Protein backbone atom coordinates (compact mmCIF):
# COMPACT_ATOMS: atom_id res chain seq x y z
CA MET A 1 94.42 84.49 105.71
CA ALA A 2 95.79 82.72 108.76
CA ALA A 3 98.24 80.81 106.60
CA ARG A 4 99.77 84.01 105.30
CA GLY A 5 103.24 84.53 106.64
CA GLY A 6 103.60 80.82 107.31
CA GLY A 7 106.50 80.19 109.65
CA PHE A 8 107.44 83.84 110.05
CA ARG A 9 104.86 84.36 112.79
CA HIS A 10 106.35 81.43 114.70
CA LYS A 11 109.92 82.69 114.32
CA PRO A 12 109.94 84.81 117.51
CA ALA A 13 108.76 81.90 119.66
CA ALA A 14 111.35 79.59 118.13
CA LEU A 15 114.10 82.18 118.63
CA ALA A 16 113.01 82.79 122.22
CA ALA A 17 113.10 79.04 122.94
CA PHE A 18 116.52 78.78 121.31
CA VAL A 19 117.86 81.72 123.35
CA LEU A 20 116.43 80.16 126.53
CA VAL A 21 118.09 76.79 125.87
CA GLN A 22 121.37 78.52 125.05
CA SER A 23 121.10 80.58 128.24
CA LEU A 24 120.55 77.48 130.36
CA ALA A 25 123.52 75.76 128.70
CA ALA A 26 125.72 78.83 129.23
CA VAL A 27 124.75 78.99 132.91
CA PHE A 28 125.46 75.26 133.29
CA PHE A 29 128.91 75.51 131.68
CA LEU A 30 129.80 78.68 133.62
CA GLY A 31 128.74 76.97 136.85
CA ASP A 32 130.81 73.93 135.95
CA VAL A 33 133.82 76.14 135.16
CA VAL A 34 133.50 77.86 138.54
CA ALA A 35 133.11 74.49 140.34
CA ASP A 36 136.14 73.05 138.54
CA TYR A 37 138.19 76.16 139.31
CA LEU A 38 137.24 76.07 143.01
CA ALA A 39 138.10 72.38 143.11
CA GLY A 40 141.56 73.19 141.76
CA GLN A 41 141.07 71.38 138.46
CA LEU A 42 143.08 73.76 136.32
CA GLY A 43 143.77 72.27 132.92
CA PHE A 44 142.65 71.84 129.35
CA HIS A 45 139.16 70.71 130.42
CA LEU A 46 138.60 73.93 132.41
CA TRP A 47 139.72 76.16 129.54
CA PHE A 48 137.63 74.21 127.04
CA GLU A 49 134.51 74.55 129.21
CA LEU A 50 135.23 78.26 129.66
CA LEU A 51 135.54 78.66 125.87
CA VAL A 52 132.26 76.78 125.33
CA ALA A 53 130.53 78.89 127.99
CA LEU A 54 131.76 82.11 126.36
CA ALA A 55 130.67 80.90 122.92
CA LEU A 56 127.23 80.08 124.31
CA ALA A 57 127.03 83.49 125.99
CA LEU A 58 127.84 85.13 122.65
CA GLY A 59 125.19 82.93 121.01
CA VAL A 60 122.68 84.09 123.62
CA MET A 61 123.58 87.70 122.94
CA PHE A 62 123.27 87.32 119.15
CA GLY A 63 120.05 85.34 119.55
CA ALA A 64 118.56 88.03 121.76
CA ILE A 65 119.55 90.71 119.24
CA THR A 66 118.01 88.70 116.40
CA LEU A 67 114.85 88.14 118.43
CA ARG A 68 114.58 91.86 119.13
CA GLN A 69 115.11 92.69 115.43
CA THR A 70 112.51 90.12 114.38
CA LEU A 71 109.95 91.49 116.82
CA GLU A 72 110.62 95.04 115.58
CA GLU A 73 110.31 93.91 111.96
CA MET A 74 106.99 92.21 112.74
CA ARG A 75 105.76 95.34 114.51
CA MET A 76 106.66 97.49 111.49
CA GLN A 77 104.97 95.03 109.12
CA ASP A 78 101.83 95.08 111.27
CA ILE A 79 101.82 98.89 111.12
CA ALA A 80 102.31 98.85 107.34
CA LEU A 81 99.58 96.24 106.92
CA ALA A 82 97.15 98.22 109.06
CA SER A 83 97.94 101.33 107.02
CA ALA A 84 97.47 99.45 103.74
CA ARG A 85 94.18 97.99 104.97
CA GLY A 86 92.96 101.44 105.88
CA ALA A 87 94.12 102.92 102.59
CA LEU A 88 92.51 100.13 100.56
CA GLY A 89 89.31 100.52 102.58
CA ASP A 90 89.33 104.25 101.82
CA VAL A 91 89.89 103.60 98.11
CA ILE A 92 87.05 101.08 98.01
CA ALA A 93 84.67 103.37 99.90
CA ALA A 94 85.51 106.32 97.62
CA GLN A 95 84.98 104.22 94.51
CA PHE A 96 81.69 102.86 95.83
CA THR A 97 80.59 106.48 96.38
CA GLN A 98 81.69 107.44 92.87
CA TRP A 99 79.71 104.54 91.42
CA GLY A 100 76.68 105.65 93.45
CA LEU A 101 76.20 102.36 95.30
CA THR A 102 73.36 102.25 97.81
CA PRO A 103 74.22 101.33 101.42
CA ALA A 104 72.96 97.78 100.80
CA GLU A 105 75.03 97.52 97.62
CA ARG A 106 78.08 98.82 99.49
CA ASP A 107 77.68 96.07 102.09
CA VAL A 108 77.23 93.41 99.42
CA GLY A 109 80.19 94.80 97.47
CA PHE A 110 82.49 94.69 100.50
CA LEU A 111 81.41 91.14 101.31
CA ALA A 112 81.97 90.09 97.69
CA LEU A 113 85.45 91.64 97.74
CA LYS A 114 86.17 89.68 100.92
CA GLY A 115 85.44 86.51 98.96
CA LEU A 116 82.04 85.51 100.31
CA ASP A 117 79.78 83.74 97.82
CA VAL A 118 76.14 84.63 97.20
CA ALA A 119 74.79 82.22 99.83
CA GLU A 120 77.23 83.47 102.47
CA ILE A 121 76.43 87.10 101.71
CA ALA A 122 72.72 86.34 101.89
CA GLU A 123 73.18 84.64 105.27
CA VAL A 124 75.28 87.49 106.69
CA ARG A 125 72.79 90.10 105.47
CA GLY A 126 69.67 88.12 106.31
CA ALA A 127 68.54 88.43 102.70
CA ALA A 128 67.43 86.05 99.99
CA SER A 129 70.06 84.73 97.57
CA GLY A 130 68.08 86.20 94.67
CA THR A 131 68.24 89.65 96.28
CA VAL A 132 72.00 89.37 96.67
CA ARG A 133 72.41 88.20 93.05
CA ALA A 134 70.34 91.18 91.88
CA GLN A 135 72.41 93.56 94.01
CA LEU A 136 75.64 92.10 92.63
CA THR A 137 74.32 92.51 89.09
CA ARG A 138 73.55 96.19 89.78
CA ILE A 139 77.00 96.67 91.40
CA TYR A 140 78.75 95.13 88.40
CA ALA A 141 76.72 97.29 86.01
CA LYS A 142 77.54 100.47 87.95
CA ALA A 143 81.23 99.45 88.04
CA GLY A 144 81.25 98.63 84.32
CA VAL A 145 82.44 95.07 84.88
CA THR A 146 80.93 91.74 83.93
CA GLY A 147 81.47 89.72 87.08
CA ARG A 148 83.13 89.14 90.41
CA ALA A 149 86.63 88.56 89.02
CA GLN A 150 86.64 91.85 87.12
CA PHE A 151 85.09 93.60 90.11
CA ALA A 152 87.89 92.43 92.43
CA ALA A 153 90.52 93.04 89.75
CA TRP A 154 89.34 96.64 89.41
CA PHE A 155 90.71 97.32 92.93
CA VAL A 156 93.78 95.09 92.69
CA GLU A 157 95.01 96.39 89.35
CA ASP A 158 96.36 99.66 90.74
CA LEU A 159 98.05 97.84 93.63
CA LEU A 160 99.99 95.65 91.23
CA GLY A 161 101.52 98.60 89.44
CA GLU A 162 103.41 97.83 86.25
CA GLY A 163 103.18 94.05 86.63
CA LEU A 164 105.86 91.42 86.44
CA GLU A 165 109.41 92.24 85.47
CA GLY A 166 110.29 91.19 81.96
CA GLN A 167 106.76 91.67 80.66
CA GLY A 168 106.26 94.25 78.08
């Protein structure tokens, strides 16, 4: 799960570093322009440095705006993800209730949906592997599925909607 989102989660830090470097460069060039002006060095070099400093200042401004937009986008995605997690959790809990799963079966079912194997579930629950296998068998029977893949697919199917474009 940590790999999800890849470089997107590092984008704000990279943008912030970029904006910082641009800011330092803009300050340097503006300082150099002021020093050259005070020294009476009025010429092409001064105007070029002033143009570069202004371009860097604009880059800083656009970078800061992009950073702010990226942070807002990430915040909105986090809110949407939290909402989806809650909604999926509610759907799973309601379906477990409809199937009449016992509290132990509910726990095992949630752990199975999270991707834990029988040994991991047994370790987390402090139960024997045989007990977990028996609970999974009862869960699958109550759900009307034949195994873990169909069990997980039961919940994912509605999320996928109509499927891929062009299929039909």
